Amino acid sequence: QLRQTTSEKNELARTLEMVQNQLQEKESEIKREISEYKDRLLQAEKEHQDALTEANRKNEVEIEACHEKVSSLEHLISSQKLEIEHLKSNNEQLNNSLKEANQALGELLKTKVR
């Protein structure tokens, strides 16, 4: 019976060692997979950050172009306002001259009629 018990003990010890070896292999495999997933995650995060940085750069360039266009349009509007004021002033002067000419013509016509 002692021999049988010893034999069973040795068999159990071998089985235990096999199971421990399998567990260690599985643990190594899982650690390797985790490491691969971490690497892939880091790569994806880097690609995402690079894309975000590039999008931000393009947006900044576009915003700057829009600012320049707005500034140019504001300058154009200011110039056109000045031109309108100048034209209004000229128009007023011409109207005054026309009134004076009409009055002088009226006076001449009155004088001629007499």
PDB file of N, CA and C in Angstrom:
ATOM      1  N   GLN A   1       0.849  -1.203   0.000  1.00  0.00           N
ATOM      2  CA  GLN A   1       0.000   0.000   0.000  1.00  0.00           C
ATOM      3  C   GLN A   1       0.885   1.254   0.000  1.00  0.00           C
ATOM      4  N   LEU A   2       1.998   1.166   0.729  1.00  0.00           N
ATOM      5  CA  LEU A   2       2.931   2.299   0.756  1.00  0.00           C
ATOM      6  C   LEU A   2       3.461   2.559  -0.647  1.00  0.00           C
ATOM      7  N   ARG A   3       3.783   1.442  -1.366  1.00  0.00           N
ATOM      8  CA  ARG A   3       4.274   1.587  -2.739  1.00  0.00           C
ATOM      9  C   ARG A   3       3.212   2.229  -3.616  1.00  0.00           C
ATOM     10  N   GLN A   4       1.989   1.827  -3.471  1.00  0.00           N
ATOM     11  CA  GLN A   4       0.883   2.368  -4.267  1.00  0.00           C
ATOM     12  C   GLN A   4       0.678   3.851  -3.958  1.00  0.00           C
ATOM     13  N   THR A   5       0.711   4.176  -2.675  1.00  0.00           N
ATOM     14  CA  THR A   5       0.523   5.574  -2.266  1.00  0.00           C
ATOM     15  C   THR A   5       1.676   6.425  -2.798  1.00  0.00           C
ATOM     16  N   THR A   6       2.877   5.884  -2.720  1.00  0.00           N
ATOM     17  CA  THR A   6       4.048   6.601  -3.240  1.00  0.00           C
ATOM     18  C   THR A   6       3.918   6.787  -4.746  1.00  0.00           C
ATOM     19  N   SER A   7       3.454   5.759  -5.410  1.00  0.00           N
ATOM     20  CA  SER A   7       3.265   5.817  -6.862  1.00  0.00           C
ATOM     21  C   SER A   7       2.203   6.872  -7.209  1.00  0.00           C
ATOM     22  N   GLU A   8       1.106   6.870  -6.462  1.00  0.00           N
ATOM     23  CA  GLU A   8       0.049   7.865  -6.703  1.00  0.00           C
ATOM     24  C   GLU A   8       0.574   9.279  -6.440  1.00  0.00           C
ATOM     25  N   LYS A   9       1.379   9.381  -5.366  1.00  0.00           N
ATOM     26  CA  LYS A   9       1.955  10.689  -5.029  1.00  0.00           C
ATOM     27  C   LYS A   9       2.849  11.180  -6.159  1.00  0.00           C
ATOM     28  N   ASN A  10       3.684  10.274  -6.685  1.00  0.00           N
ATOM     29  CA  ASN A  10       4.577  10.636  -7.793  1.00  0.00           C
ATOM     30  C   ASN A  10       3.772  11.021  -9.042  1.00  0.00           C
ATOM     31  N   GLU A  11       2.706  10.296  -9.303  1.00  0.00           N
ATOM     32  CA  GLU A  11       1.827  10.604 -10.451  1.00  0.00           C
ATOM     33  C   GLU A  11       1.179  11.979 -10.275  1.00  0.00           C
ATOM     34  N   LEU A  12       0.699  12.235  -9.063  1.00  0.00           N
ATOM     35  CA  LEU A  12       0.097  13.534  -8.779  1.00  0.00           C
ATOM     36  C   LEU A  12       1.132  14.648  -8.911  1.00  0.00           C
ATOM     37  N   ALA A  13       2.358  14.380  -8.476  1.00  0.00           N
ATOM     38  CA  ALA A  13       3.434  15.370  -8.571  1.00  0.00           C
ATOM     39  C   ALA A  13       3.718  15.669 -10.043  1.00  0.00           C
ATOM     40  N   ARG A  14       3.752  14.619 -10.886  1.00  0.00           N
ATOM     41  CA  ARG A  14       3.983  14.833 -12.329  1.00  0.00           C
ATOM     42  C   ARG A  14       2.825  15.619 -12.951  1.00  0.00           C
ATOM     43  N   THR A  15       1.607  15.256 -12.554  1.00  0.00           N
ATOM     44  CA  THR A  15       0.432  15.961 -13.083  1.00  0.00           C
ATOM     45  C   THR A  15       0.462  17.426 -12.652  1.00  0.00           C
ATOM     46  N   LEU A  16       0.796  17.655 -11.382  1.00  0.00           N
ATOM     47  CA  LEU A  16       0.891  19.020 -10.867  1.00  0.00           C
ATOM     48  C   LEU A  16       1.947  19.809 -11.633  1.00  0.00           C
ATOM     49  N   GLU A  17       3.086  19.191 -11.887  1.00  0.00           N
ATOM     50  CA  GLU A  17       4.163  19.864 -12.619  1.00  0.00           C
ATOM     51  C   GLU A  17       3.713  20.195 -14.048  1.00  0.00           C
ATOM     52  N   MET A  18       2.993  19.268 -14.688  1.00  0.00           N
ATOM     53  CA  MET A  18       2.485  19.503 -16.038  1.00  0.00           C
ATOM     54  C   MET A  18       1.511  20.680 -16.060  1.00  0.00           C
ATOM     55  N   VAL A  19       0.594  20.682 -15.082  1.00  0.00           N
ATOM     56  CA  VAL A  19      -0.390  21.761 -15.001  1.00  0.00           C
ATOM     57  C   VAL A  19       0.321  23.096 -14.746  1.00  0.00           C
ATOM     58  N   GLN A  20       1.316  23.100 -13.857  1.00  0.00           N
ATOM     59  CA  GLN A  20       2.064  24.330 -13.577  1.00  0.00           C
ATOM     60  C   GLN A  20       2.791  24.820 -14.840  1.00  0.00           C
ATOM     61  N   ASN A  21       3.382  23.888 -15.587  1.00  0.00           N
ATOM     62  CA  ASN A  21       4.061  24.244 -16.836  1.00  0.00           C
ATOM     63  C   ASN A  21       3.057  24.844 -17.845  1.00  0.00           C
ATOM     64  N   GLN A  22       1.886  24.239 -17.954  1.00  0.00           N
ATOM     65  CA  GLN A  22       0.856  24.746 -18.867  1.00  0.00           C
ATOM     66  C   GLN A  22       0.404  26.159 -18.443  1.00  0.00           C
ATOM     67  N   LEU A  23       0.237  26.324 -17.131  1.00  0.00           N
ATOM     68  CA  LEU A  23      -0.164  27.643 -16.620  1.00  0.00           C
ATOM     69  C   LEU A  23       0.913  28.692 -16.917  1.00  0.00           C
ATOM     70  N   GLN A  24       2.179  28.317 -16.730  1.00  0.00           N
ATOM     71  CA  GLN A  24       3.262  29.251 -17.022  1.00  0.00           C
ATOM     72  C   GLN A  24       3.288  29.608 -18.513  1.00  0.00           C
ATOM     73  N   GLU A  25       3.084  28.613 -19.374  1.00  0.00           N
ATOM     74  CA  GLU A  25       3.046  28.881 -20.819  1.00  0.00           C
ATOM     75  C   GLU A  25       1.888  29.815 -21.156  1.00  0.00           C
ATOM     76  N   LYS A  26       0.723  29.538 -20.563  1.00  0.00           N
ATOM     77  CA  LYS A  26      -0.452  30.377 -20.811  1.00  0.00           C
ATOM     78  C   LYS A  26      -0.205  31.798 -20.313  1.00  0.00           C
ATOM     79  N   GLU A  27       0.412  31.918 -19.123  1.00  0.00           N
ATOM     80  CA  GLU A  27       0.713  33.229 -18.571  1.00  0.00           C
ATOM     81  C   GLU A  27       1.671  33.986 -19.496  1.00  0.00           C
ATOM     82  N   SER A  28       2.690  33.303 -20.009  1.00  0.00           N
ATOM     83  CA  SER A  28       3.643  33.930 -20.930  1.00  0.00           C
ATOM     84  C   SER A  28       2.929  34.383 -22.210  1.00  0.00           C
ATOM     85  N   GLU A  29       2.050  33.556 -22.719  1.00  0.00           N
ATOM     86  CA  GLU A  29       1.299  33.883 -23.927  1.00  0.00           C
ATOM     87  C   GLU A  29       0.413  35.115 -23.689  1.00  0.00           C
ATOM     88  N   ILE A  30      -0.266  35.137 -22.542  1.00  0.00           N
ATOM     89  CA  ILE A  30      -1.136  36.275 -22.222  1.00  0.00           C
ATOM     90  C   ILE A  30      -0.305  37.547 -22.064  1.00  0.00           C
ATOM     91  N   LYS A  31       0.853  37.448 -21.401  1.00  0.00           N
ATOM     92  CA  LYS A  31       1.725  38.615 -21.238  1.00  0.00           C
ATOM     93  C   LYS A  31       2.194  39.123 -22.603  1.00  0.00           C
ATOM     94  N   ARG A  32       2.533  38.204 -23.503  1.00  0.00           N
ATOM     95  CA  ARG A  32       2.966  38.590 -24.845  1.00  0.00           C
ATOM     96  C   ARG A  32       1.833  39.305 -25.591  1.00  0.00           C
ATOM     97  N   GLU A  33       0.618  38.767 -25.482  1.00  0.00           N
ATOM     98  CA  GLU A  33      -0.539  39.381 -26.144  1.00  0.00           C
ATOM     99  C   GLU A  33      -0.809  40.779 -25.565  1.00  0.00           C
ATOM    100  N   ILE A  34      -0.711  40.888 -24.238  1.00  0.00           N
ATOM    101  CA  ILE A  34      -0.917  42.194 -23.598  1.00  0.00           C
ATOM    102  C   ILE A  34       0.119  43.184 -24.118  1.00  0.00           C
ATOM    103  N   SER A  35       1.361  42.746 -24.218  1.00  0.00           N
ATOM    104  CA  SER A  35       2.425  43.617 -24.710  1.00  0.00           C
ATOM    105  C   SER A  35       2.139  44.045 -26.153  1.00  0.00           C
ATOM    106  N   GLU A  36       1.677  43.108 -26.995  1.00  0.00           N
ATOM    107  CA  GLU A  36       1.341  43.441 -28.385  1.00  0.00           C
ATOM    108  C   GLU A  36       0.191  44.442 -28.430  1.00  0.00           C
ATOM    109  N   TYR A  37      -0.830  44.230 -27.602  1.00  0.00           N
ATOM    110  CA  TYR A  37      -1.971  45.156 -27.581  1.00  0.00           C
ATOM    111  C   TYR A  37      -1.543  46.548 -27.119  1.00  0.00           C
ATOM    112  N   LYS A  38      -0.648  46.588 -26.117  1.00  0.00           N
ATOM    113  CA  LYS A  38      -0.144  47.883 -25.641  1.00  0.00           C
ATOM    114  C   LYS A  38       0.610  48.603 -26.758  1.00  0.00           C
ATOM    115  N   ASP A  39       1.448  47.839 -27.484  1.00  0.00           N
ATOM    116  CA  ASP A  39       2.196  48.438 -28.600  1.00  0.00           C
ATOM    117  C   ASP A  39       1.245  48.981 -29.668  1.00  0.00           C
ATOM    118  N   ARG A  40       0.229  48.192 -29.997  1.00  0.00           N
ATOM    119  CA  ARG A  40      -0.742  48.626 -31.008  1.00  0.00           C
ATOM    120  C   ARG A  40      -1.511  49.856 -30.524  1.00  0.00           C
ATOM    121  N   LEU A  41      -1.848  49.864 -29.244  1.00  0.00           N
ATOM    122  CA  LEU A  41      -2.561  51.008 -28.670  1.00  0.00           C
ATOM    123  C   LEU A  41      -1.691  52.266 -28.723  1.00  0.00           C
ATOM    124  N   LEU A  42      -0.420  52.118 -28.349  1.00  0.00           N
ATOM    125  CA  LEU A  42       0.503  53.256 -28.407  1.00  0.00           C
ATOM    126  C   LEU A  42       0.647  53.774 -29.835  1.00  0.00           C
ATOM    127  N   GLN A  43       0.742  52.861 -30.795  1.00  0.00           N
ATOM    128  CA  GLN A  43       0.860  53.254 -32.203  1.00  0.00           C
ATOM    129  C   GLN A  43      -0.400  53.984 -32.663  1.00  0.00           C
ATOM    130  N   ALA A  44      -1.563  53.453 -32.283  1.00  0.00           N
ATOM    131  CA  ALA A  44      -2.826  54.097 -32.656  1.00  0.00           C
ATOM    132  C   ALA A  44      -2.934  55.480 -32.022  1.00  0.00           C
ATOM    133  N   GLU A  45      -2.533  55.594 -30.766  1.00  0.00           N
ATOM    134  CA  GLU A  45      -2.566  56.894 -30.084  1.00  0.00           C
ATOM    135  C   GLU A  45      -1.628  57.890 -30.763  1.00  0.00           C
ATOM    136  N   LYS A  46      -0.441  57.414 -31.173  1.00  0.00           N
ATOM    137  CA  LYS A  46       0.517  58.289 -31.858  1.00  0.00           C
ATOM    138  C   LYS A  46      -0.062  58.749 -33.190  1.00  0.00           C
ATOM    139  N   GLU A  47      -0.631  57.824 -33.957  1.00  0.00           N
ATOM    140  CA  GLU A  47      -1.225  58.181 -35.246  1.00  0.00           C
ATOM    141  C   GLU A  47      -2.367  59.186 -35.046  1.00  0.00           C
ATOM    142  N   HIS A  48      -3.176  58.942 -34.027  1.00  0.00           N
ATOM    143  CA  HIS A  48      -4.283  59.856 -33.732  1.00  0.00           C
ATOM    144  C   HIS A  48      -3.757  61.238 -33.364  1.00  0.00           C
ATOM    145  N   GLN A  49      -2.725  61.289 -32.534  1.00  0.00           N
ATOM    146  CA  GLN A  49      -2.139  62.565 -32.122  1.00  0.00           C
ATOM    147  C   GLN A  49      -1.526  63.290 -33.320  1.00  0.00           C
ATOM    148  N   ASP A  50      -0.844  62.535 -34.188  1.00  0.00           N
ATOM    149  CA  ASP A  50      -0.255  63.136 -35.389  1.00  0.00           C
ATOM    150  C   ASP A  50      -1.343  63.720 -36.284  1.00  0.00           C
ATOM    151  N   ALA A  51      -2.432  62.976 -36.464  1.00  0.00           N
ATOM    152  CA  ALA A  51      -3.540  63.459 -37.297  1.00  0.00           C
ATOM    153  C   ALA A  51      -4.165  64.711 -36.680  1.00  0.00           C
ATOM    154  N   LEU A  52      -4.311  64.698 -35.368  1.00  0.00           N
ATOM    155  CA  LEU A  52      -4.883  65.848 -34.661  1.00  0.00           C
ATOM    156  C   LEU A  52      -3.979  67.074 -34.799  1.00  0.00           C
ATOM    157  N   THR A  53      -2.686  66.868 -34.650  1.00  0.00           N
ATOM    158  CA  THR A  53      -1.723  67.961 -34.785  1.00  0.00           C
ATOM    159  C   THR A  53      -1.784  68.548 -36.190  1.00  0.00           C
ATOM    160  N   GLU A  54      -1.840  67.687 -37.201  1.00  0.00           N
ATOM    161  CA  GLU A  54      -1.906  68.150 -38.590  1.00  0.00           C
ATOM    162  C   GLU A  54      -3.210  68.897 -38.855  1.00  0.00           C
ATOM    163  N   ALA A  55      -4.309  68.383 -38.327  1.00  0.00           N
ATOM    164  CA  ALA A  55      -5.606  69.063 -38.501  1.00  0.00           C
ATOM    165  C   ALA A  55      -5.574  70.437 -37.836  1.00  0.00           C
ATOM    166  N   ASN A  56      -4.989  70.520 -36.646  1.00  0.00           N
ATOM    167  CA  ASN A  56      -4.877  71.802 -35.948  1.00  0.00           C
ATOM    168  C   ASN A  56      -4.022  72.789 -36.742  1.00  0.00           C
ATOM    169  N   ARG A  57      -2.917  72.282 -37.323  1.00  0.00           N
ATOM    170  CA  ARG A  57      -2.041  73.142 -38.116  1.00  0.00           C
ATOM    171  C   ARG A  57      -2.801  73.693 -39.326  1.00  0.00           C
ATOM    172  N   LYS A  58      -3.519  72.808 -40.015  1.00  0.00           N
ATOM    173  CA  LYS A  58      -4.294  73.247 -41.185  1.00  0.00           C
ATOM    174  C   LYS A  58      -5.361  74.261 -40.776  1.00  0.00           C
ATOM    175  N   ASN A  59      -6.015  74.021 -39.653  1.00  0.00           N
ATOM    176  CA  ASN A  59      -7.036  74.955 -39.171  1.00  0.00           C
ATOM    177  C   ASN A  59      -6.433  76.322 -38.853  1.00  0.00           C
ATOM    178  N   GLU A  60      -5.257  76.323 -38.234  1.00  0.00           N
ATOM    179  CA  GLU A  60      -4.603  77.588 -37.905  1.00  0.00           C
ATOM    180  C   GLU A  60      -4.250  78.359 -39.172  1.00  0.00           C
ATOM    181  N   VAL A  61      -3.766  77.639 -40.196  1.00  0.00           N
ATOM    182  CA  VAL A  61      -3.437  78.284 -41.474  1.00  0.00           C
ATOM    183  C   VAL A  61      -4.707  78.870 -42.094  1.00  0.00           C
ATOM    184  N   GLU A  62      -5.783  78.092 -42.053  1.00  0.00           N
ATOM    185  CA  GLU A  62      -7.047  78.552 -42.629  1.00  0.00           C
ATOM    186  C   GLU A  62      -7.603  79.754 -41.854  1.00  0.00           C
ATOM    187  N   ILE A  63      -7.504  79.707 -40.543  1.00  0.00           N
ATOM    188  CA  ILE A  63      -7.976  80.822 -39.710  1.00  0.00           C
ATOM    189  C   ILE A  63      -7.168  82.082 -40.030  1.00  0.00           C
ATOM    190  N   GLU A  64      -5.861  81.938 -40.161  1.00  0.00           N
ATOM    191  CA  GLU A  64      -5.006  83.090 -40.479  1.00  0.00           C
ATOM    192  C   GLU A  64      -5.391  83.666 -41.843  1.00  0.00           C
ATOM    193  N   ALA A  65      -5.658  82.795 -42.819  1.00  0.00           N
ATOM    194  CA  ALA A  65      -6.071  83.266 -44.146  1.00  0.00           C
ATOM    195  C   ALA A  65      -7.397  84.020 -44.050  1.00  0.00           C
ATOM    196  N   CYS A  66      -8.316  83.515 -43.229  1.00  0.00           N
ATOM    197  CA  CYS A  66      -9.607  84.189 -43.041  1.00  0.00           C
ATOM    198  C   CYS A  66      -9.420  85.552 -42.375  1.00  0.00           C
ATOM    199  N   HIS A  67      -8.534  85.624 -41.385  1.00  0.00           N
ATOM    200  CA  HIS A  67      -8.254  86.909 -40.716  1.00  0.00           C
ATOM    201  C   HIS A  67      -7.715  87.924 -41.729  1.00  0.00           C
ATOM    202  N   GLU A  68      -6.804  87.451 -42.577  1.00  0.00           N
ATOM    203  CA  GLU A  68      -6.226  88.345 -43.580  1.00  0.00           C
ATOM    204  C   GLU A  68      -7.292  88.817 -44.562  1.00  0.00           C
ATOM    205  N   LYS A  69      -8.184  87.907 -44.956  1.00  0.00           N
ATOM    206  CA  LYS A  69      -9.254  88.278 -45.888  1.00  0.00           C
ATOM    207  C   LYS A  69     -10.199  89.288 -45.252  1.00  0.00           C
ATOM    208  N   VAL A  70     -10.553  89.062 -43.975  1.00  0.00           N
ATOM    209  CA  VAL A  70     -11.432  89.996 -43.260  1.00  0.00           C
ATOM    210  C   VAL A  70     -10.763  91.371 -43.174  1.00  0.00           C
ATOM    211  N   SER A  71      -9.478  91.376 -42.854  1.00  0.00           N
ATOM    212  CA  SER A  71      -8.741  92.631 -42.748  1.00  0.00           C
ATOM    213  C   SER A  71      -8.738  93.355 -44.098  1.00  0.00           C
ATOM    214  N   SER A  72      -8.514  92.617 -45.161  1.00  0.00           N
ATOM    215  CA  SER A  72      -8.510  93.195 -46.505  1.00  0.00           C
ATOM    216  C   SER A  72      -9.882  93.772 -46.853  1.00  0.00           C
ATOM    217  N   LEU A  73     -10.934  93.021 -46.508  1.00  0.00           N
ATOM    218  CA  LEU A  73     -12.289  93.493 -46.791  1.00  0.00           C
ATOM    219  C   LEU A  73     -12.629  94.730 -45.960  1.00  0.00           C
ATOM    220  N   GLU A  74     -12.188  94.770 -44.713  1.00  0.00           N
ATOM    221  CA  GLU A  74     -12.422  95.936 -43.867  1.00  0.00           C
ATOM    222  C   GLU A  74     -11.735  97.166 -44.466  1.00  0.00           C
ATOM    223  N   HIS A  75     -10.509  96.966 -44.958  1.00  0.00           N
ATOM    224  CA  HIS A  75      -9.778  98.072 -45.590  1.00  0.00           C
ATOM    225  C   HIS A  75     -10.522  98.550 -46.838  1.00  0.00           C
ATOM    226  N   LEU A  76     -11.003  97.608 -47.642  1.00  0.00           N
ATOM    227  CA  LEU A  76     -11.748  97.941 -48.855  1.00  0.00           C
ATOM    228  C   LEU A  76     -13.019  98.721 -48.507  1.00  0.00           C
ATOM    229  N   ILE A  77     -13.740  98.257 -47.497  1.00  0.00           N
ATOM    230  CA  ILE A  77     -14.975  98.941 -47.061  1.00  0.00           C
ATOM    231  C   ILE A  77     -14.649 100.362 -46.601  1.00  0.00           C
ATOM    232  N   SER A  78     -13.577 100.510 -45.845  1.00  0.00           N
ATOM    233  CA  SER A  78     -13.174 101.833 -45.359  1.00  0.00           C
ATOM    234  C   SER A  78     -12.858 102.751 -46.540  1.00  0.00           C
ATOM    235  N   SER A  79     -12.123 102.242 -47.515  1.00  0.00           N
ATOM    236  CA  SER A  79     -11.790 103.029 -48.706  1.00  0.00           C
ATOM    237  C   SER A  79     -13.055 103.426 -49.463  1.00  0.00           C
ATOM    238  N   GLN A  80     -13.972 102.481 -49.586  1.00  0.00           N
ATOM    239  CA  GLN A  80     -15.212 102.771 -50.320  1.00  0.00           C
ATOM    240  C   GLN A  80     -16.076 103.792 -49.571  1.00  0.00           C
ATOM    241  N   LYS A  81     -16.071 103.732 -48.239  1.00  0.00           N
ATOM    242  CA  LYS A  81     -16.813 104.738 -47.459  1.00  0.00           C
ATOM    243  C   LYS A  81     -16.243 106.128 -47.701  1.00  0.00           C
ATOM    244  N   LEU A  82     -14.907 106.208 -47.714  1.00  0.00           N
ATOM    245  CA  LEU A  82     -14.264 107.504 -47.987  1.00  0.00           C
ATOM    246  C   LEU A  82     -14.627 107.995 -49.385  1.00  0.00           C
ATOM    247  N   GLU A  83     -14.616 107.098 -50.342  1.00  0.00           N
ATOM    248  CA  GLU A  83     -14.976 107.457 -51.722  1.00  0.00           C
ATOM    249  C   GLU A  83     -16.422 107.938 -51.798  1.00  0.00           C
ATOM    250  N   ILE A  84     -17.308 107.262 -51.084  1.00  0.00           N
ATOM    251  CA  ILE A  84     -18.728 107.666 -51.057  1.00  0.00           C
ATOM    252  C   ILE A  84     -18.861 109.059 -50.462  1.00  0.00           C
ATOM    253  N   GLU A  85     -18.146 109.317 -49.360  1.00  0.00           N
ATOM    254  CA  GLU A  85     -18.196 110.643 -48.740  1.00  0.00           C
ATOM    255  C   GLU A  85     -17.683 111.706 -49.719  1.00  0.00           C
ATOM    256  N   HIS A  86     -16.611 111.380 -50.420  1.00  0.00           N
ATOM    257  CA  HIS A  86     -16.047 112.306 -51.405  1.00  0.00           C
ATOM    258  C   HIS A  86     -17.062 112.574 -52.518  1.00  0.00           C
ATOM    259  N   LEU A  87     -17.711 111.510 -53.006  1.00  0.00           N
ATOM    260  CA  LEU A  87     -18.706 111.668 -54.068  1.00  0.00           C
ATOM    261  C   LEU A  87     -19.910 112.475 -53.588  1.00  0.00           C
ATOM    262  N   LYS A  88     -20.324 112.247 -52.341  1.00  0.00           N
ATOM    263  CA  LYS A  88     -21.441 113.015 -51.779  1.00  0.00           C
ATOM    264  C   LYS A  88     -21.080 114.502 -51.736  1.00  0.00           C
ATOM    265  N   SER A  89     -19.851 114.775 -51.285  1.00  0.00           N
ATOM    266  CA  SER A  89     -19.391 116.160 -51.198  1.00  0.00           C
ATOM    267  C   SER A  89     -19.361 116.802 -52.585  1.00  0.00           C
ATOM    268  N   ASN A  90     -18.824 116.077 -53.568  1.00  0.00           N
ATOM    269  CA  ASN A  90     -18.792 116.589 -54.944  1.00  0.00           C
ATOM    270  C   ASN A  90     -20.201 116.821 -55.472  1.00  0.00           C
ATOM    271  N   ASN A  91     -21.094 115.879 -55.170  1.00  0.00           N
ATOM    272  CA  ASN A  91     -22.490 115.991 -55.619  1.00  0.00           C
ATOM    273  C   ASN A  91     -23.147 117.239 -55.019  1.00  0.00           C
ATOM    274  N   GLU A  92     -22.875 117.478 -53.732  1.00  0.00           N
ATOM    275  CA  GLU A  92     -23.439 118.654 -53.058  1.00  0.00           C
ATOM    276  C   GLU A  92     -22.902 119.949 -53.692  1.00  0.00           C
ATOM    277  N   GLN A  93     -21.596 119.945 -53.968  1.00  0.00           N
ATOM    278  CA  GLN A  93     -21.004 121.120 -54.613  1.00  0.00           C
ATOM    279  C   GLN A  93     -21.614 121.351 -56.002  1.00  0.00           C
ATOM    280  N   LEU A  94     -21.792 120.263 -56.758  1.00  0.00           N
ATOM    281  CA  LEU A  94     -22.389 120.389 -58.087  1.00  0.00           C
ATOM    282  C   LEU A  94     -23.835 120.886 -58.002  1.00  0.00           C
ATOM    283  N   ASN A  95     -24.574 120.362 -57.031  1.00  0.00           N
ATOM    284  CA  ASN A  95     -25.962 120.824 -56.843  1.00  0.00           C
ATOM    285  C   ASN A  95     -26.000 122.314 -56.512  1.00  0.00           C
ATOM    286  N   ASN A  96     -25.080 122.755 -55.632  1.00  0.00           N
ATOM    287  CA  ASN A  96     -25.014 124.170 -55.274  1.00  0.00           C
ATOM    288  C   ASN A  96     -24.665 125.018 -56.497  1.00  0.00           C
ATOM    289  N   SER A  97     -23.681 124.533 -57.266  1.00  0.00           N
ATOM    290  CA  SER A  97     -23.298 125.272 -58.484  1.00  0.00           C
ATOM    291  C   SER A  97     -24.459 125.330 -59.464  1.00  0.00           C
ATOM    292  N   LEU A  98     -25.196 124.213 -59.578  1.00  0.00           N
ATOM    293  CA  LEU A  98     -26.351 124.172 -60.480  1.00  0.00           C
ATOM    294  C   LEU A  98     -27.427 125.151 -60.029  1.00  0.00           C
ATOM    295  N   LYS A  99     -27.673 125.218 -58.704  1.00  0.00           N
ATOM    296  CA  LYS A  99     -28.656 126.164 -58.167  1.00  0.00           C
ATOM    297  C   LYS A  99     -28.240 127.602 -58.491  1.00  0.00           C
ATOM    298  N   GLU A 100     -26.952 127.880 -58.258  1.00  0.00           N
ATOM    299  CA  GLU A 100     -26.444 129.231 -58.534  1.00  0.00           C
ATOM    300  C   GLU A 100     -26.576 129.562 -60.021  1.00  0.00           C
ATOM    301  N   ALA A 101     -26.258 128.587 -60.878  1.00  0.00           N
ATOM    302  CA  ALA A 101     -26.354 128.810 -62.328  1.00  0.00           C
ATOM    303  C   ALA A 101     -27.811 129.025 -62.733  1.00  0.00           C
ATOM    304  N   ASN A 102     -28.705 128.239 -62.133  1.00  0.00           N
ATOM    305  CA  ASN A 102     -30.131 128.407 -62.443  1.00  0.00           C
ATOM    306  C   ASN A 102     -30.638 129.771 -61.970  1.00  0.00           C
ATOM    307  N   GLN A 103     -30.174 130.196 -60.790  1.00  0.00           N
ATOM    308  CA  GLN A 103     -30.575 131.513 -60.288  1.00  0.00           C
ATOM    309  C   GLN A 103     -30.043 132.612 -61.217  1.00  0.00           C
ATOM    310  N   ALA A 104     -28.778 132.470 -61.634  1.00  0.00           N
ATOM    311  CA  ALA A 104     -28.184 133.467 -62.533  1.00  0.00           C
ATOM    312  C   ALA A 104     -28.918 133.476 -63.864  1.00  0.00           C
ATOM    313  N   LEU A 105     -29.283 132.266 -64.331  1.00  0.00           N
ATOM    314  CA  LEU A 105     -30.025 132.173 -65.586  1.00  0.00           C
ATOM    315  C   LEU A 105     -31.387 132.829 -65.435  1.00  0.00           C
ATOM    316  N   GLY A 106     -32.014 132.585 -64.295  1.00  0.00           N
ATOM    317  CA  GLY A 106     -33.310 133.216 -64.011  1.00  0.00           C
ATOM    318  C   GLY A 106     -33.191 134.723 -64.015  1.00  0.00           C
ATOM    319  N   GLU A 107     -32.140 135.222 -63.374  1.00  0.00           N
ATOM    320  CA  GLU A 107     -31.916 136.669 -63.326  1.00  0.00           C
ATOM    321  C   GLU A 107     -31.700 137.212 -64.739  1.00  0.00           C
ATOM    322  N   LEU A 108     -30.894 136.489 -65.540  1.00  0.00           N
ATOM    323  CA  LEU A 108     -30.633 136.927 -66.902  1.00  0.00           C
ATOM    324  C   LEU A 108     -31.904 136.950 -67.733  1.00  0.00           C
ATOM    325  N   LEU A 109     -32.712 135.902 -67.537  1.00  0.00           N
ATOM    326  CA  LEU A 109     -33.973 135.843 -68.297  1.00  0.00           C
ATOM    327  C   LEU A 109     -34.884 136.983 -67.900  1.00  0.00           C
ATOM    328  N   LYS A 110     -34.962 137.298 -66.581  1.00  0.00           N
ATOM    329  CA  LYS A 110     -35.784 138.412 -66.119  1.00  0.00           C
ATOM    330  C   LYS A 110     -35.290 139.729 -66.731  1.00  0.00           C
ATOM    331  N   THR A 111     -33.957 139.888 -66.720  1.00  0.00           N
ATOM    332  CA  THR A 111     -33.358 141.108 -67.254  1.00  0.00           C
ATOM    333  C   THR A 111     -33.639 141.216 -68.755  1.00  0.00           C
ATOM    334  N   LYS A 112     -33.533 140.115 -69.446  1.00  0.00           N
ATOM    335  CA  LYS A 112     -33.759 140.091 -70.891  1.00  0.00           C
ATOM    336  C   LYS A 112     -35.207 140.413 -71.228  1.00  0.00           C
ATOM    337  N   VAL A 113     -36.133 139.891 -70.425  1.00  0.00           N
ATOM    338  CA  VAL A 113     -37.554 140.105 -70.643  1.00  0.00           C
ATOM    339  C   VAL A 113     -37.889 141.584 -70.488  1.00  0.00           C
ATOM    340  N   ARG A 114     -37.268 142.316 -69.583  1.00  0.00           N
ATOM    341  CA  ARG A 114     -37.561 143.721 -69.291  1.00  0.00           C
ATOM    342  C   ARG A 114     -37.165 144.549 -70.406  1.00  0.00           C
TER     343      ARG A 114
END
